Amino acid sequence: MDAQAARVNVARFLGNTALGAGSVVVLLGFVYGGTTAFQPYAVAALLVIVGVGLRLEAAIMDRR
């Protein structure tokens, strides 16, 4: 495996992990909710944004 393929795989893995973590935070907030705190949802939103960005970066790097 060359260096670029390794970077693509790492970016894709981190993107998936960030998307999964953001989804878990939101799901736990809905299931065990009752809190009106904004902070967990802000963290989840940032994780999802970072995850999508990393997935897009991996897709663009994989095309080359």
PDB file of N, CA and C in Angstrom:
ATOM      1  N   MET A   1       0.853  -1.171   0.000  1.00  0.00           N
ATOM      2  CA  MET A   1       0.000   0.000   0.000  1.00  0.00           C
ATOM      3  C   MET A   1       0.898   1.233   0.000  1.00  0.00           C
ATOM      4  N   ASP A   2       0.602   2.160  -0.894  1.00  0.00           N
ATOM      5  CA  ASP A   2       1.403   3.375  -0.955  1.00  0.00           C
ATOM      6  C   ASP A   2       0.923   4.394   0.080  1.00  0.00           C
ATOM      7  N   ALA A   3       1.667   5.484   0.177  1.00  0.00           N
ATOM      8  CA  ALA A   3       1.402   6.474   1.223  1.00  0.00           C
ATOM      9  C   ALA A   3       0.058   7.179   1.010  1.00  0.00           C
ATOM     10  N   GLN A   4      -0.284   7.465  -0.246  1.00  0.00           N
ATOM     11  CA  GLN A   4      -1.549   8.165  -0.494  1.00  0.00           C
ATOM     12  C   GLN A   4      -2.743   7.276  -0.152  1.00  0.00           C
ATOM     13  N   ALA A   5      -2.675   6.014  -0.479  1.00  0.00           N
ATOM     14  CA  ALA A   5      -3.774   5.103  -0.136  1.00  0.00           C
ATOM     15  C   ALA A   5      -3.917   4.980   1.378  1.00  0.00           C
ATOM     16  N   ALA A   6      -2.800   5.000   2.088  1.00  0.00           N
ATOM     17  CA  ALA A   6      -2.849   4.934   3.548  1.00  0.00           C
ATOM     18  C   ALA A   6      -3.514   6.193   4.113  1.00  0.00           C
ATOM     19  N   ARG A   7      -3.187   7.369   3.559  1.00  0.00           N
ATOM     20  CA  ARG A   7      -3.817   8.612   4.021  1.00  0.00           C
ATOM     21  C   ARG A   7      -5.317   8.614   3.743  1.00  0.00           C
ATOM     22  N   VAL A   8      -5.701   8.086   2.583  1.00  0.00           N
ATOM     23  CA  VAL A   8      -7.124   8.006   2.243  1.00  0.00           C
ATOM     24  C   VAL A   8      -7.844   7.103   3.232  1.00  0.00           C
ATOM     25  N   ASN A   9      -7.249   5.959   3.541  1.00  0.00           N
ATOM     26  CA  ASN A   9      -7.875   5.033   4.481  1.00  0.00           C
ATOM     27  C   ASN A   9      -7.992   5.629   5.879  1.00  0.00           C
ATOM     28  N   VAL A  10      -6.964   6.350   6.316  1.00  0.00           N
ATOM     29  CA  VAL A  10      -7.014   6.978   7.639  1.00  0.00           C
ATOM     30  C   VAL A  10      -8.083   8.067   7.678  1.00  0.00           C
ATOM     31  N   ALA A  11      -8.146   8.896   6.632  1.00  0.00           N
ATOM     32  CA  ALA A  11      -9.157   9.959   6.590  1.00  0.00           C
ATOM     33  C   ALA A  11     -10.558   9.356   6.577  1.00  0.00           C
ATOM     34  N   ARG A  12     -10.741   8.288   5.818  1.00  0.00           N
ATOM     35  CA  ARG A  12     -12.057   7.646   5.763  1.00  0.00           C
ATOM     36  C   ARG A  12     -12.424   7.038   7.115  1.00  0.00           C
ATOM     37  N   PHE A  13     -11.459   6.389   7.765  1.00  0.00           N
ATOM     38  CA  PHE A  13     -11.703   5.788   9.075  1.00  0.00           C
ATOM     39  C   PHE A  13     -12.052   6.842  10.114  1.00  0.00           C
ATOM     40  N   LEU A  14     -11.281   7.931  10.154  1.00  0.00           N
ATOM     41  CA  LEU A  14     -11.567   8.995  11.124  1.00  0.00           C
ATOM     42  C   LEU A  14     -12.908   9.672  10.839  1.00  0.00           C
ATOM     43  N   GLY A  15     -13.239   9.821   9.564  1.00  0.00           N
ATOM     44  CA  GLY A  15     -14.534  10.389   9.209  1.00  0.00           C
ATOM     45  C   GLY A  15     -15.683   9.516   9.671  1.00  0.00           C
ATOM     46  N   ASN A  16     -15.541   8.208   9.453  1.00  0.00           N
ATOM     47  CA  ASN A  16     -16.580   7.278   9.915  1.00  0.00           C
ATOM     48  C   ASN A  16     -16.701   7.296  11.433  1.00  0.00           C
ATOM     49  N   THR A  17     -15.561   7.358  12.106  1.00  0.00           N
ATOM     50  CA  THR A  17     -15.567   7.383  13.569  1.00  0.00           C
ATOM     51  C   THR A  17     -16.237   8.653  14.089  1.00  0.00           C
ATOM     52  N   ALA A  18     -15.927   9.787  13.482  1.00  0.00           N
ATOM     53  CA  ALA A  18     -16.544  11.046  13.913  1.00  0.00           C
ATOM     54  C   ALA A  18     -18.046  11.042  13.650  1.00  0.00           C
ATOM     55  N   LEU A  19     -18.460  10.515  12.491  1.00  0.00           N
ATOM     56  CA  LEU A  19     -19.895  10.427  12.207  1.00  0.00           C
ATOM     57  C   LEU A  19     -20.587   9.500  13.196  1.00  0.00           C
ATOM     58  N   GLY A  20     -19.962   8.381  13.480  1.00  0.00           N
ATOM     59  CA  GLY A  20     -20.545   7.437  14.448  1.00  0.00           C
ATOM     60  C   GLY A  20     -20.645   8.038  15.838  1.00  0.00           C
ATOM     61  N   ALA A  21     -19.590   8.731  16.278  1.00  0.00           N
ATOM     62  CA  ALA A  21     -19.608   9.335  17.609  1.00  0.00           C
ATOM     63  C   ALA A  21     -20.668  10.431  17.696  1.00  0.00           C
ATOM     64  N   GLY A  22     -20.796  11.236  16.663  1.00  0.00           N
ATOM     65  CA  GLY A  22     -21.827  12.269  16.655  1.00  0.00           C
ATOM     66  C   GLY A  22     -23.219  11.670  16.701  1.00  0.00           C
ATOM     67  N   SER A  23     -23.418  10.587  15.967  1.00  0.00           N
ATOM     68  CA  SER A  23     -24.721   9.910  15.970  1.00  0.00           C
ATOM     69  C   SER A  23     -25.031   9.313  17.332  1.00  0.00           C
ATOM     70  N   VAL A  24     -24.031   8.738  17.977  1.00  0.00           N
ATOM     71  CA  VAL A  24     -24.235   8.157  19.302  1.00  0.00           C
ATOM     72  C   VAL A  24     -24.591   9.242  20.312  1.00  0.00           C
ATOM     73  N   VAL A  25     -23.935  10.380  20.240  1.00  0.00           N
ATOM     74  CA  VAL A  25     -24.240  11.479  21.166  1.00  0.00           C
ATOM     75  C   VAL A  25     -25.684  11.933  20.990  1.00  0.00           C
ATOM     76  N   VAL A  26     -26.120  12.066  19.746  1.00  0.00           N
ATOM     77  CA  VAL A  26     -27.494  12.506  19.504  1.00  0.00           C
ATOM     78  C   VAL A  26     -28.490  11.444  19.960  1.00  0.00           C
ATOM     79  N   LEU A  27     -28.226  10.183  19.639  1.00  0.00           N
ATOM     80  CA  LEU A  27     -29.139   9.113  20.046  1.00  0.00           C
ATOM     81  C   LEU A  27     -29.241   8.999  21.564  1.00  0.00           C
ATOM     82  N   LEU A  28     -28.113   9.088  22.246  1.00  0.00           N
ATOM     83  CA  LEU A  28     -28.145   9.043  23.703  1.00  0.00           C
ATOM     84  C   LEU A  28     -28.877  10.249  24.274  1.00  0.00           C
ATOM     85  N   GLY A  29     -28.734  11.392  23.633  1.00  0.00           N
ATOM     86  CA  GLY A  29     -29.466  12.578  24.073  1.00  0.00           C
ATOM     87  C   GLY A  29     -30.957  12.403  23.920  1.00  0.00           C
ATOM     88  N   PHE A  30     -31.376  11.740  22.843  1.00  0.00           N
ATOM     89  CA  PHE A  30     -32.808  11.503  22.649  1.00  0.00           C
ATOM     90  C   PHE A  30     -33.338  10.433  23.601  1.00  0.00           C
ATOM     91  N   VAL A  31     -32.574   9.379  23.802  1.00  0.00           N
ATOM     92  CA  VAL A  31     -33.040   8.273  24.645  1.00  0.00           C
ATOM     93  C   VAL A  31     -33.035   8.665  26.113  1.00  0.00           C
ATOM     94  N   TYR A  32     -31.916   9.197  26.576  1.00  0.00           N
ATOM     95  CA  TYR A  32     -31.786   9.545  27.985  1.00  0.00           C
ATOM     96  C   TYR A  32     -31.930  11.041  28.197  1.00  0.00           C
ATOM     97  N   GLY A  33     -32.635  11.681  27.295  1.00  0.00           N
ATOM     98  CA  GLY A  33     -32.743  13.135  27.280  1.00  0.00           C
ATOM     99  C   GLY A  33     -33.408  13.710  28.501  1.00  0.00           C
ATOM    100  N   GLY A  34     -34.143  14.738  28.266  1.00  0.00           N
ATOM    101  CA  GLY A  34     -34.743  15.457  29.363  1.00  0.00           C
ATOM    102  C   GLY A  34     -33.909  16.673  29.704  1.00  0.00           C
ATOM    103  N   THR A  35     -32.702  16.707  29.169  1.00  0.00           N
ATOM    104  CA  THR A  35     -31.845  17.856  29.402  1.00  0.00           C
ATOM    105  C   THR A  35     -32.023  18.853  28.271  1.00  0.00           C
ATOM    106  N   THR A  36     -31.978  20.081  28.592  1.00  0.00           N
ATOM    107  CA  THR A  36     -32.080  21.113  27.570  1.00  0.00           C
ATOM    108  C   THR A  36     -30.717  21.730  27.283  1.00  0.00           C
ATOM    109  N   ALA A  37     -29.685  21.058  27.736  1.00  0.00           N
ATOM    110  CA  ALA A  37     -28.340  21.580  27.516  1.00  0.00           C
ATOM    111  C   ALA A  37     -28.015  21.553  26.026  1.00  0.00           C
ATOM    112  N   PHE A  38     -27.427  22.597  25.575  1.00  0.00           N
ATOM    113  CA  PHE A  38     -27.080  22.728  24.159  1.00  0.00           C
ATOM    114  C   PHE A  38     -25.731  22.089  23.852  1.00  0.00           C
ATOM    115  N   GLN A  39     -24.872  21.970  24.831  1.00  0.00           N
ATOM    116  CA  GLN A  39     -23.498  21.542  24.611  1.00  0.00           C
ATOM    117  C   GLN A  39     -23.365  20.166  23.955  1.00  0.00           C
ATOM    118  N   PRO A  40     -24.070  19.119  24.404  1.00  0.00           N
ATOM    119  CA  PRO A  40     -23.894  17.822  23.739  1.00  0.00           C
ATOM    120  C   PRO A  40     -24.282  17.854  22.266  1.00  0.00           C
ATOM    121  N   TYR A  41     -25.307  18.598  21.926  1.00  0.00           N
ATOM    122  CA  TYR A  41     -25.731  18.664  20.532  1.00  0.00           C
ATOM    123  C   TYR A  41     -24.764  19.492  19.695  1.00  0.00           C
ATOM    124  N   ALA A  42     -24.137  20.483  20.308  1.00  0.00           N
ATOM    125  CA  ALA A  42     -23.123  21.259  19.603  1.00  0.00           C
ATOM    126  C   ALA A  42     -21.903  20.390  19.317  1.00  0.00           C
ATOM    127  N   VAL A  43     -21.509  19.572  20.279  1.00  0.00           N
ATOM    128  CA  VAL A  43     -20.384  18.650  20.072  1.00  0.00           C
ATOM    129  C   VAL A  43     -20.738  17.643  18.990  1.00  0.00           C
ATOM    130  N   ALA A  44     -21.965  17.120  19.029  1.00  0.00           N
ATOM    131  CA  ALA A  44     -22.397  16.163  18.009  1.00  0.00           C
ATOM    132  C   ALA A  44     -22.390  16.803  16.624  1.00  0.00           C
ATOM    133  N   ALA A  45     -22.847  18.032  16.529  1.00  0.00           N
ATOM    134  CA  ALA A  45     -22.850  18.721  15.239  1.00  0.00           C
ATOM    135  C   ALA A  45     -21.431  18.929  14.720  1.00  0.00           C
ATOM    136  N   LEU A  46     -20.522  19.307  15.603  1.00  0.00           N
ATOM    137  CA  LEU A  46     -19.129  19.475  15.179  1.00  0.00           C
ATOM    138  C   LEU A  46     -18.525  18.154  14.733  1.00  0.00           C
ATOM    139  N   LEU A  47     -18.822  17.076  15.448  1.00  0.00           N
ATOM    140  CA  LEU A  47     -18.313  15.768  15.045  1.00  0.00           C
ATOM    141  C   LEU A  47     -18.849  15.356  13.679  1.00  0.00           C
ATOM    142  N   VAL A  48     -20.108  15.608  13.433  1.00  0.00           N
ATOM    143  CA  VAL A  48     -20.690  15.255  12.141  1.00  0.00           C
ATOM    144  C   VAL A  48     -20.085  16.095  11.024  1.00  0.00           C
ATOM    145  N   ILE A  49     -19.899  17.379  11.265  1.00  0.00           N
ATOM    146  CA  ILE A  49     -19.293  18.248  10.251  1.00  0.00           C
ATOM    147  C   ILE A  49     -17.866  17.805   9.942  1.00  0.00           C
ATOM    148  N   VAL A  50     -17.102  17.509  10.971  1.00  0.00           N
ATOM    149  CA  VAL A  50     -15.726  17.036  10.767  1.00  0.00           C
ATOM    150  C   VAL A  50     -15.735  15.693  10.035  1.00  0.00           C
ATOM    151  N   GLY A  51     -16.652  14.812  10.417  1.00  0.00           N
ATOM    152  CA  GLY A  51     -16.738  13.508   9.775  1.00  0.00           C
ATOM    153  C   GLY A  51     -17.059  13.607   8.304  1.00  0.00           C
ATOM    154  N   VAL A  52     -18.015  14.459   7.959  1.00  0.00           N
ATOM    155  CA  VAL A  52     -18.367  14.638   6.545  1.00  0.00           C
ATOM    156  C   VAL A  52     -17.201  15.245   5.786  1.00  0.00           C
ATOM    157  N   GLY A  53     -16.528  16.207   6.401  1.00  0.00           N
ATOM    158  CA  GLY A  53     -15.365  16.806   5.753  1.00  0.00           C
ATOM    159  C   GLY A  53     -14.256  15.799   5.495  1.00  0.00           C
ATOM    160  N   LEU A  54     -13.988  14.954   6.458  1.00  0.00           N
ATOM    161  CA  LEU A  54     -12.956  13.934   6.267  1.00  0.00           C
ATOM    162  C   LEU A  54     -13.363  12.925   5.204  1.00  0.00           C
ATOM    163  N   ARG A  55     -14.630  12.565   5.158  1.00  0.00           N
ATOM    164  CA  ARG A  55     -15.103  11.639   4.131  1.00  0.00           C
ATOM    165  C   ARG A  55     -14.978  12.261   2.743  1.00  0.00           C
ATOM    166  N   LEU A  56     -15.311  13.555   2.631  1.00  0.00           N
ATOM    167  CA  LEU A  56     -15.157  14.240   1.345  1.00  0.00           C
ATOM    168  C   LEU A  56     -13.695  14.323   0.931  1.00  0.00           C
ATOM    169  N   GLU A  57     -12.842  14.626   1.877  1.00  0.00           N
ATOM    170  CA  GLU A  57     -11.410  14.683   1.584  1.00  0.00           C
ATOM    171  C   GLU A  57     -10.898  13.330   1.100  1.00  0.00           C
ATOM    172  N   ALA A  58     -11.328  12.253   1.759  1.00  0.00           N
ATOM    173  CA  ALA A  58     -10.901  10.926   1.339  1.00  0.00           C
ATOM    174  C   ALA A  58     -11.410  10.592  -0.049  1.00  0.00           C
ATOM    175  N   ALA A  59     -12.646  10.999  -0.353  1.00  0.00           N
ATOM    176  CA  ALA A  59     -13.201  10.725  -1.676  1.00  0.00           C
ATOM    177  C   ALA A  59     -12.454  11.496  -2.760  1.00  0.00           C
ATOM    178  N   ILE A  60     -12.096  12.737  -2.459  1.00  0.00           N
ATOM    179  CA  ILE A  60     -11.364  13.540  -3.451  1.00  0.00           C
ATOM    180  C   ILE A  60      -9.956  12.986  -3.640  1.00  0.00           C
ATOM    181  N   MET A  61      -9.298  12.613  -2.560  1.00  0.00           N
ATOM    182  CA  MET A  61      -7.938  12.058  -2.664  1.00  0.00           C
ATOM    183  C   MET A  61      -7.950  10.705  -3.343  1.00  0.00           C
ATOM    184  N   ASP A  62      -9.023   9.949  -3.200  1.00  0.00           N
ATOM    185  CA  ASP A  62      -9.105   8.611  -3.806  1.00  0.00           C
ATOM    186  C   ASP A  62      -9.294   8.689  -5.303  1.00  0.00           C
ATOM    187  N   ARG A  63      -9.865   9.782  -5.789  1.00  0.00           N
ATOM    188  CA  ARG A  63     -10.079   9.950  -7.243  1.00  0.00           C
ATOM    189  C   ARG A  63      -8.772  10.117  -7.986  1.00  0.00           C
ATOM    190  N   ARG A  64      -7.769  10.653  -7.353  1.00  0.00           N
ATOM    191  CA  ARG A  64      -6.504  10.970  -8.049  1.00  0.00           C
ATOM    192  C   ARG A  64      -5.714   9.742  -8.343  1.00  0.00           C
TER     193      ARG A  64
END
